[in-house]
Amino acid sequence: MKLKRILALAGALLLFAMYACTLIFAFMDSPKAPGLLKASIVCTVIVPILLYGYALVYRVTRHSSENGTPKNDTEKQSI
């Protein structure tokens, strides 16, 4: 349970850092600023989606392999 809290805190800090970078890039006066802003916005959207997907896959694979049997009765193990 402690590991989940640490990972949740790390994820929240990562999101905060990405939002801060997006804000900084929006106000920056540099020729590279538009590209950095676009990359930051994409990362702000894509990273949480990927983290959710990884968590979902982990939950599904861990749940079906805990007792060594398939999740559904219709699935058969290959020998």
PDB file of N, CA and C in Angstrom:
ATOM      1  N   MET A   1       0.827  -1.188   0.000  1.00  0.00           N
ATOM      2  CA  MET A   1       0.000   0.000   0.000  1.00  0.00           C
ATOM      3  C   MET A   1       0.871   1.252   0.000  1.00  0.00           C
ATOM      4  N   LYS A   2       1.993   1.192   0.657  1.00  0.00           N
ATOM      5  CA  LYS A   2       2.897   2.331   0.726  1.00  0.00           C
ATOM      6  C   LYS A   2       3.464   2.658  -0.656  1.00  0.00           C
ATOM      7  N   LEU A   3       3.726   1.626  -1.450  1.00  0.00           N
ATOM      8  CA  LEU A   3       4.257   1.824  -2.797  1.00  0.00           C
ATOM      9  C   LEU A   3       3.251   2.578  -3.671  1.00  0.00           C
ATOM     10  N   LYS A   4       1.977   2.262  -3.518  1.00  0.00           N
ATOM     11  CA  LYS A   4       0.946   2.954  -4.303  1.00  0.00           C
ATOM     12  C   LYS A   4       0.910   4.441  -3.972  1.00  0.00           C
ATOM     13  N   ARG A   5       1.068   4.773  -2.710  1.00  0.00           N
ATOM     14  CA  ARG A   5       1.073   6.188  -2.319  1.00  0.00           C
ATOM     15  C   ARG A   5       2.274   6.918  -2.889  1.00  0.00           C
ATOM     16  N   ILE A   6       3.415   6.259  -2.869  1.00  0.00           N
ATOM     17  CA  ILE A   6       4.629   6.876  -3.406  1.00  0.00           C
ATOM     18  C   ILE A   6       4.481   7.094  -4.911  1.00  0.00           C
ATOM     19  N   LEU A   7       3.965   6.090  -5.617  1.00  0.00           N
ATOM     20  CA  LEU A   7       3.771   6.224  -7.056  1.00  0.00           C
ATOM     21  C   LEU A   7       2.725   7.281  -7.385  1.00  0.00           C
ATOM     22  N   ALA A   8       1.674   7.370  -6.589  1.00  0.00           N
ATOM     23  CA  ALA A   8       0.654   8.396  -6.817  1.00  0.00           C
ATOM     24  C   ALA A   8       1.227   9.794  -6.604  1.00  0.00           C
ATOM     25  N   LEU A   9       2.048   9.954  -5.576  1.00  0.00           N
ATOM     26  CA  LEU A   9       2.692  11.247  -5.326  1.00  0.00           C
ATOM     27  C   LEU A   9       3.649  11.602  -6.457  1.00  0.00           C
ATOM     28  N   ALA A  10       4.407  10.618  -6.929  1.00  0.00           N
ATOM     29  CA  ALA A  10       5.327  10.863  -8.046  1.00  0.00           C
ATOM     30  C   ALA A  10       4.559  11.250  -9.305  1.00  0.00           C
ATOM     31  N   GLY A  11       3.438  10.601  -9.558  1.00  0.00           N
ATOM     32  CA  GLY A  11       2.610  10.943 -10.713  1.00  0.00           C
ATOM     33  C   GLY A  11       2.032  12.342 -10.603  1.00  0.00           C
ATOM     34  N   ALA A  12       1.590  12.712  -9.412  1.00  0.00           N
ATOM     35  CA  ALA A  12       1.051  14.056  -9.214  1.00  0.00           C
ATOM     36  C   ALA A  12       2.135  15.115  -9.405  1.00  0.00           C
ATOM     37  N   LEU A  13       3.327  14.845  -8.902  1.00  0.00           N
ATOM     38  CA  LEU A  13       4.436  15.787  -9.100  1.00  0.00           C
ATOM     39  C   LEU A  13       4.822  15.895 -10.569  1.00  0.00           C
ATOM     40  N   LEU A  14       4.803  14.791 -11.281  1.00  0.00           N
ATOM     41  CA  LEU A  14       5.102  14.804 -12.708  1.00  0.00           C
ATOM     42  C   LEU A  14       4.073  15.629 -13.473  1.00  0.00           C
ATOM     43  N   LEU A  15       2.803  15.449 -13.152  1.00  0.00           N
ATOM     44  CA  LEU A  15       1.760  16.251 -13.805  1.00  0.00           C
ATOM     45  C   LEU A  15       1.922  17.732 -13.487  1.00  0.00           C
ATOM     46  N   PHE A  16       2.213  18.053 -12.242  1.00  0.00           N
ATOM     47  CA  PHE A  16       2.411  19.448 -11.867  1.00  0.00           C
ATOM     48  C   PHE A  16       3.584  20.051 -12.637  1.00  0.00           C
ATOM     49  N   ALA A  17       4.661  19.286 -12.753  1.00  0.00           N
ATOM     50  CA  ALA A  17       5.836  19.775 -13.488  1.00  0.00           C
ATOM     51  C   ALA A  17       5.511  19.992 -14.963  1.00  0.00           C
ATOM     52  N   MET A  18       4.725  19.098 -15.540  1.00  0.00           N
ATOM     53  CA  MET A  18       4.349  19.275 -16.948  1.00  0.00           C
ATOM     54  C   MET A  18       3.463  20.500 -17.134  1.00  0.00           C
ATOM     55  N   TYR A  19       2.530  20.744 -16.220  1.00  0.00           N
ATOM     56  CA  TYR A  19       1.691  21.943 -16.306  1.00  0.00           C
ATOM     57  C   TYR A  19       2.527  23.199 -16.142  1.00  0.00           C
ATOM     58  N   ALA A  20       3.491  23.173 -15.228  1.00  0.00           N
ATOM     59  CA  ALA A  20       4.365  24.333 -15.025  1.00  0.00           C
ATOM     60  C   ALA A  20       5.200  24.599 -16.275  1.00  0.00           C
ATOM     61  N   CYS A  21       5.735  23.535 -16.872  1.00  0.00           N
ATOM     62  CA  CYS A  21       6.515  23.705 -18.113  1.00  0.00           C
ATOM     63  C   CYS A  21       5.650  24.268 -19.230  1.00  0.00           C
ATOM     64  N   THR A  22       4.421  23.807 -19.339  1.00  0.00           N
ATOM     65  CA  THR A  22       3.518  24.331 -20.358  1.00  0.00           C
ATOM     66  C   THR A  22       3.289  25.819 -20.163  1.00  0.00           C
ATOM     67  N   LEU A  23       3.084  26.237 -18.932  1.00  0.00           N
ATOM     68  CA  LEU A  23       2.877  27.656 -18.637  1.00  0.00           C
ATOM     69  C   LEU A  23       4.130  28.471 -18.957  1.00  0.00           C
ATOM     70  N   ILE A  24       5.276  27.966 -18.585  1.00  0.00           N
ATOM     71  CA  ILE A  24       6.536  28.674 -18.854  1.00  0.00           C
ATOM     72  C   ILE A  24       6.773  28.792 -20.354  1.00  0.00           C
ATOM     73  N   PHE A  25       6.549  27.710 -21.102  1.00  0.00           N
ATOM     74  CA  PHE A  25       6.765  27.746 -22.539  1.00  0.00           C
ATOM     75  C   PHE A  25       5.781  28.674 -23.234  1.00  0.00           C
ATOM     76  N   ALA A  26       4.581  28.824 -22.678  1.00  0.00           N
ATOM     77  CA  ALA A  26       3.587  29.709 -23.279  1.00  0.00           C
ATOM     78  C   ALA A  26       4.019  31.167 -23.184  1.00  0.00           C
ATOM     79  N   PHE A  27       4.709  31.533 -22.127  1.00  0.00           N
ATOM     80  CA  PHE A  27       5.120  32.929 -21.938  1.00  0.00           C
ATOM     81  C   PHE A  27       6.552  33.209 -22.399  1.00  0.00           C
ATOM     82  N   MET A  28       7.267  32.188 -22.808  1.00  0.00           N
ATOM     83  CA  MET A  28       8.658  32.348 -23.204  1.00  0.00           C
ATOM     84  C   MET A  28       8.734  33.029 -24.578  1.00  0.00           C
ATOM     85  N   ASP A  29       9.692  33.937 -24.725  1.00  0.00           N
ATOM     86  CA  ASP A  29       9.875  34.639 -25.992  1.00  0.00           C
ATOM     87  C   ASP A  29      11.151  34.123 -26.644  1.00  0.00           C
ATOM     88  N   SER A  30      11.001  33.043 -27.367  1.00  0.00           N
ATOM     89  CA  SER A  30      12.129  32.399 -28.022  1.00  0.00           C
ATOM     90  C   SER A  30      11.624  31.777 -29.322  1.00  0.00           C
ATOM     91  N   PRO A  31      12.501  31.606 -30.291  1.00  0.00           N
ATOM     92  CA  PRO A  31      12.055  30.954 -31.529  1.00  0.00           C
ATOM     93  C   PRO A  31      11.669  29.483 -31.321  1.00  0.00           C
ATOM     94  N   LYS A  32      12.199  28.862 -30.293  1.00  0.00           N
ATOM     95  CA  LYS A  32      11.880  27.460 -30.019  1.00  0.00           C
ATOM     96  C   LYS A  32      10.622  27.299 -29.169  1.00  0.00           C
ATOM     97  N   ALA A  33      10.067  28.364 -28.651  1.00  0.00           N
ATOM     98  CA  ALA A  33       8.940  28.304 -27.726  1.00  0.00           C
ATOM     99  C   ALA A  33       7.699  27.621 -28.311  1.00  0.00           C
ATOM    100  N   PRO A  34       7.285  27.913 -29.568  1.00  0.00           N
ATOM    101  CA  PRO A  34       6.083  27.219 -30.079  1.00  0.00           C
ATOM    102  C   PRO A  34       6.245  25.697 -30.142  1.00  0.00           C
ATOM    103  N   GLY A  35       7.407  25.231 -30.546  1.00  0.00           N
ATOM    104  CA  GLY A  35       7.640  23.786 -30.593  1.00  0.00           C
ATOM    105  C   GLY A  35       7.652  23.165 -29.210  1.00  0.00           C
ATOM    106  N   LEU A  36       8.295  23.843 -28.265  1.00  0.00           N
ATOM    107  CA  LEU A  36       8.316  23.341 -26.886  1.00  0.00           C
ATOM    108  C   LEU A  36       6.920  23.331 -26.272  1.00  0.00           C
ATOM    109  N   LEU A  37       6.132  24.363 -26.588  1.00  0.00           N
ATOM    110  CA  LEU A  37       4.762  24.428 -26.060  1.00  0.00           C
ATOM    111  C   LEU A  37       3.920  23.282 -26.608  1.00  0.00           C
ATOM    112  N   LYS A  38       4.021  23.018 -27.912  1.00  0.00           N
ATOM    113  CA  LYS A  38       3.259  21.920 -28.512  1.00  0.00           C
ATOM    114  C   LYS A  38       3.672  20.578 -27.898  1.00  0.00           C
ATOM    115  N   ALA A  39       4.968  20.362 -27.736  1.00  0.00           N
ATOM    116  CA  ALA A  39       5.446  19.111 -27.142  1.00  0.00           C
ATOM    117  C   ALA A  39       4.967  18.969 -25.697  1.00  0.00           C
ATOM    118  N   SER A  40       4.975  20.057 -24.975  1.00  0.00           N
ATOM    119  CA  SER A  40       4.541  20.022 -23.582  1.00  0.00           C
ATOM    120  C   SER A  40       3.047  19.716 -23.467  1.00  0.00           C
ATOM    121  N   ILE A  41       2.249  20.303 -24.344  1.00  0.00           N
ATOM    122  CA  ILE A  41       0.804  20.037 -24.321  1.00  0.00           C
ATOM    123  C   ILE A  41       0.526  18.586 -24.675  1.00  0.00           C
ATOM    124  N   VAL A  42       1.233  18.055 -25.676  1.00  0.00           N
ATOM    125  CA  VAL A  42       1.045  16.654 -26.054  1.00  0.00           C
ATOM    126  C   VAL A  42       1.432  15.730 -24.894  1.00  0.00           C
ATOM    127  N   CYS A  43       2.538  16.008 -24.247  1.00  0.00           N
ATOM    128  CA  CYS A  43       2.965  15.184 -23.110  1.00  0.00           C
ATOM    129  C   CYS A  43       1.983  15.271 -21.951  1.00  0.00           C
ATOM    130  N   THR A  44       1.405  16.440 -21.754  1.00  0.00           N
ATOM    131  CA  THR A  44       0.436  16.617 -20.674  1.00  0.00           C
ATOM    132  C   THR A  44      -0.802  15.762 -20.904  1.00  0.00           C
ATOM    133  N   VAL A  45      -1.128  15.496 -22.153  1.00  0.00           N
ATOM    134  CA  VAL A  45      -2.296  14.663 -22.470  1.00  0.00           C
ATOM    135  C   VAL A  45      -1.906  13.191 -22.547  1.00  0.00           C
ATOM    136  N   ILE A  46      -0.814  12.879 -23.213  1.00  0.00           N
ATOM    137  CA  ILE A  46      -0.444  11.492 -23.496  1.00  0.00           C
ATOM    138  C   ILE A  46       0.070  10.743 -22.266  1.00  0.00           C
ATOM    139  N   VAL A  47       0.870  11.373 -21.440  1.00  0.00           N
ATOM    140  CA  VAL A  47       1.466  10.675 -20.288  1.00  0.00           C
ATOM    141  C   VAL A  47       0.401  10.124 -19.328  1.00  0.00           C
ATOM    142  N   PRO A  48      -0.612  10.893 -18.922  1.00  0.00           N
ATOM    143  CA  PRO A  48      -1.634  10.298 -18.041  1.00  0.00           C
ATOM    144  C   PRO A  48      -2.413   9.157 -18.707  1.00  0.00           C
ATOM    145  N   ILE A  49      -2.648   9.262 -20.021  1.00  0.00           N
ATOM    146  CA  ILE A  49      -3.347   8.190 -20.723  1.00  0.00           C
ATOM    147  C   ILE A  49      -2.502   6.920 -20.719  1.00  0.00           C
ATOM    148  N   LEU A  50      -1.211   7.046 -20.984  1.00  0.00           N
ATOM    149  CA  LEU A  50      -0.328   5.886 -20.955  1.00  0.00           C
ATOM    150  C   LEU A  50      -0.222   5.279 -19.558  1.00  0.00           C
ATOM    151  N   LEU A  51      -0.132   6.119 -18.541  1.00  0.00           N
ATOM    152  CA  LEU A  51      -0.063   5.605 -17.166  1.00  0.00           C
ATOM    153  C   LEU A  51      -1.335   4.848 -16.802  1.00  0.00           C
ATOM    154  N   TYR A  52      -2.494   5.364 -17.219  1.00  0.00           N
ATOM    155  CA  TYR A  52      -3.752   4.675 -16.958  1.00  0.00           C
ATOM    156  C   TYR A  52      -3.781   3.329 -17.687  1.00  0.00           C
ATOM    157  N   GLY A  53      -3.308   3.323 -18.930  1.00  0.00           N
ATOM    158  CA  GLY A  53      -3.271   2.074 -19.691  1.00  0.00           C
ATOM    159  C   GLY A  53      -2.354   1.044 -19.063  1.00  0.00           C
ATOM    160  N   TYR A  54      -1.167   1.477 -18.616  1.00  0.00           N
ATOM    161  CA  TYR A  54      -0.246   0.557 -17.951  1.00  0.00           C
ATOM    162  C   TYR A  54      -0.865  -0.007 -16.679  1.00  0.00           C
ATOM    163  N   ALA A  55      -1.526   0.833 -15.909  1.00  0.00           N
ATOM    164  CA  ALA A  55      -2.158   0.370 -14.674  1.00  0.00           C
ATOM    165  C   ALA A  55      -3.278  -0.622 -14.970  1.00  0.00           C
ATOM    166  N   LEU A  56      -4.034  -0.367 -16.026  1.00  0.00           N
ATOM    167  CA  LEU A  56      -5.128  -1.262 -16.397  1.00  0.00           C
ATOM    168  C   LEU A  56      -4.596  -2.619 -16.840  1.00  0.00           C
ATOM    169  N   VAL A  57      -3.573  -2.619 -17.678  1.00  0.00           N
ATOM    170  CA  VAL A  57      -2.976  -3.879 -18.131  1.00  0.00           C
ATOM    171  C   VAL A  57      -2.366  -4.631 -16.956  1.00  0.00           C
ATOM    172  N   TYR A  58      -1.698  -3.933 -16.068  1.00  0.00           N
ATOM    173  CA  TYR A  58      -1.111  -4.582 -14.892  1.00  0.00           C
ATOM    174  C   TYR A  58      -2.191  -5.228 -14.032  1.00  0.00           C
ATOM    175  N   ARG A  59      -3.284  -4.516 -13.831  1.00  0.00           N
ATOM    176  CA  ARG A  59      -4.359  -5.044 -12.996  1.00  0.00           C
ATOM    177  C   ARG A  59      -4.976  -6.292 -13.627  1.00  0.00           C
ATOM    178  N   VAL A  60      -5.167  -6.284 -14.943  1.00  0.00           N
ATOM    179  CA  VAL A  60      -5.769  -7.426 -15.620  1.00  0.00           C
ATOM    180  C   VAL A  60      -4.819  -8.616 -15.628  1.00  0.00           C
ATOM    181  N   THR A  61      -3.553  -8.395 -15.930  1.00  0.00           N
ATOM    182  CA  THR A  61      -2.615  -9.514 -15.991  1.00  0.00           C
ATOM    183  C   THR A  61      -2.288 -10.062 -14.610  1.00  0.00           C
ATOM    184  N   ARG A  62      -2.208  -9.220 -13.613  1.00  0.00           N
ATOM    185  CA  ARG A  62      -1.920  -9.685 -12.259  1.00  0.00           C
ATOM    186  C   ARG A  62      -3.088 -10.481 -11.717  1.00  0.00           C
ATOM    187  N   HIS A  63      -4.305 -10.030 -12.012  1.00  0.00           N
ATOM    188  CA  HIS A  63      -5.492 -10.682 -11.480  1.00  0.00           C
ATOM    189  C   HIS A  63      -5.664 -12.082 -12.076  1.00  0.00           C
ATOM    190  N   SER A  64      -5.349 -12.251 -13.351  1.00  0.00           N
ATOM    191  CA  SER A  64      -5.550 -13.559 -13.972  1.00  0.00           C
ATOM    192  C   SER A  64      -4.426 -14.533 -13.656  1.00  0.00           C
ATOM    193  N   SER A  65      -3.262 -14.049 -13.240  1.00  0.00           N
ATOM    194  CA  SER A  65      -2.149 -14.970 -12.988  1.00  0.00           C
ATOM    195  C   SER A  65      -1.871 -15.181 -11.508  1.00  0.00           C
ATOM    196  N   GLU A  66      -2.697 -14.667 -10.625  1.00  0.00           N
ATOM    197  CA  GLU A  66      -2.466 -14.849  -9.190  1.00  0.00           C
ATOM    198  C   GLU A  66      -2.570 -16.304  -8.783  1.00  0.00           C
ATOM    199  N   ASN A  67      -3.610 -16.997  -9.241  1.00  0.00           N
ATOM    200  CA  ASN A  67      -3.788 -18.379  -8.822  1.00  0.00           C
ATOM    201  C   ASN A  67      -3.384 -19.371  -9.900  1.00  0.00           C
ATOM    202  N   GLY A  68      -2.833 -18.897 -11.010  1.00  0.00           N
ATOM    203  CA  GLY A  68      -2.331 -19.784 -12.048  1.00  0.00           C
ATOM    204  C   GLY A  68      -3.381 -20.300 -12.999  1.00  0.00           C
ATOM    205  N   THR A  69      -4.622 -19.910 -12.826  1.00  0.00           N
ATOM    206  CA  THR A  69      -5.674 -20.346 -13.729  1.00  0.00           C
ATOM    207  C   THR A  69      -6.178 -19.160 -14.528  1.00  0.00           C
ATOM    208  N   PRO A  70      -6.740 -19.428 -15.692  1.00  0.00           N
ATOM    209  CA  PRO A  70      -7.287 -18.330 -16.487  1.00  0.00           C
ATOM    210  C   PRO A  70      -8.454 -17.657 -15.773  1.00  0.00           C
ATOM    211  N   LYS A  71      -8.722 -16.436 -16.165  1.00  0.00           N
ATOM    212  CA  LYS A  71      -9.775 -15.672 -15.526  1.00  0.00           C
ATOM    213  C   LYS A  71     -11.149 -16.253 -15.837  1.00  0.00           C
ATOM    214  N   ASN A  72     -11.391 -16.670 -17.076  1.00  0.00           N
ATOM    215  CA  ASN A  72     -12.672 -17.242 -17.475  1.00  0.00           C
ATOM    216  C   ASN A  72     -12.580 -18.764 -17.506  1.00  0.00           C
ATOM    217  N   ASP A  73     -13.701 -19.429 -17.245  1.00  0.00           N
ATOM    218  CA  ASP A  73     -13.715 -20.879 -17.273  1.00  0.00           C
ATOM    219  C   ASP A  73     -13.632 -21.412 -18.694  1.00  0.00           C
ATOM    220  N   THR A  74     -14.010 -20.617 -19.691  1.00  0.00           N
ATOM    221  CA  THR A  74     -13.998 -21.068 -21.060  1.00  0.00           C
ATOM    222  C   THR A  74     -12.603 -21.125 -21.650  1.00  0.00           C
ATOM    223  N   GLU A  75     -11.659 -20.393 -21.058  1.00  0.00           N
ATOM    224  CA  GLU A  75     -10.281 -20.414 -21.534  1.00  0.00           C
ATOM    225  C   GLU A  75      -9.594 -21.673 -21.055  1.00  0.00           C
ATOM    226  N   LYS A  76      -8.752 -22.239 -21.907  1.00  0.00           N
ATOM    227  CA  LYS A  76      -8.048 -23.462 -21.526  1.00  0.00           C
ATOM    228  C   LYS A  76      -6.571 -23.203 -21.537  1.00  0.00           C
ATOM    229  N   GLN A  77      -5.891 -23.797 -20.603  1.00  0.00           N
ATOM    230  CA  GLN A  77      -4.444 -23.660 -20.541  1.00  0.00           C
ATOM    231  C   GLN A  77      -3.811 -24.616 -21.534  1.00  0.00           C
ATOM    232  N   SER A  78      -2.773 -24.154 -22.193  1.00  0.00           N
ATOM    233  CA  SER A  78      -2.043 -25.035 -23.105  1.00  0.00           C
ATOM    234  C   SER A  78      -1.032 -25.847 -22.303  1.00  0.00           C
ATOM    235  N   ILE A  79      -0.943 -27.100 -22.624  1.00  0.00           N
ATOM    236  CA  ILE A  79      -0.047 -28.010 -21.882  1.00  0.00           C
ATOM    237  C   ILE A  79       1.219 -28.218 -22.658  1.00  0.00           C
TER     238      ILE A  79
END
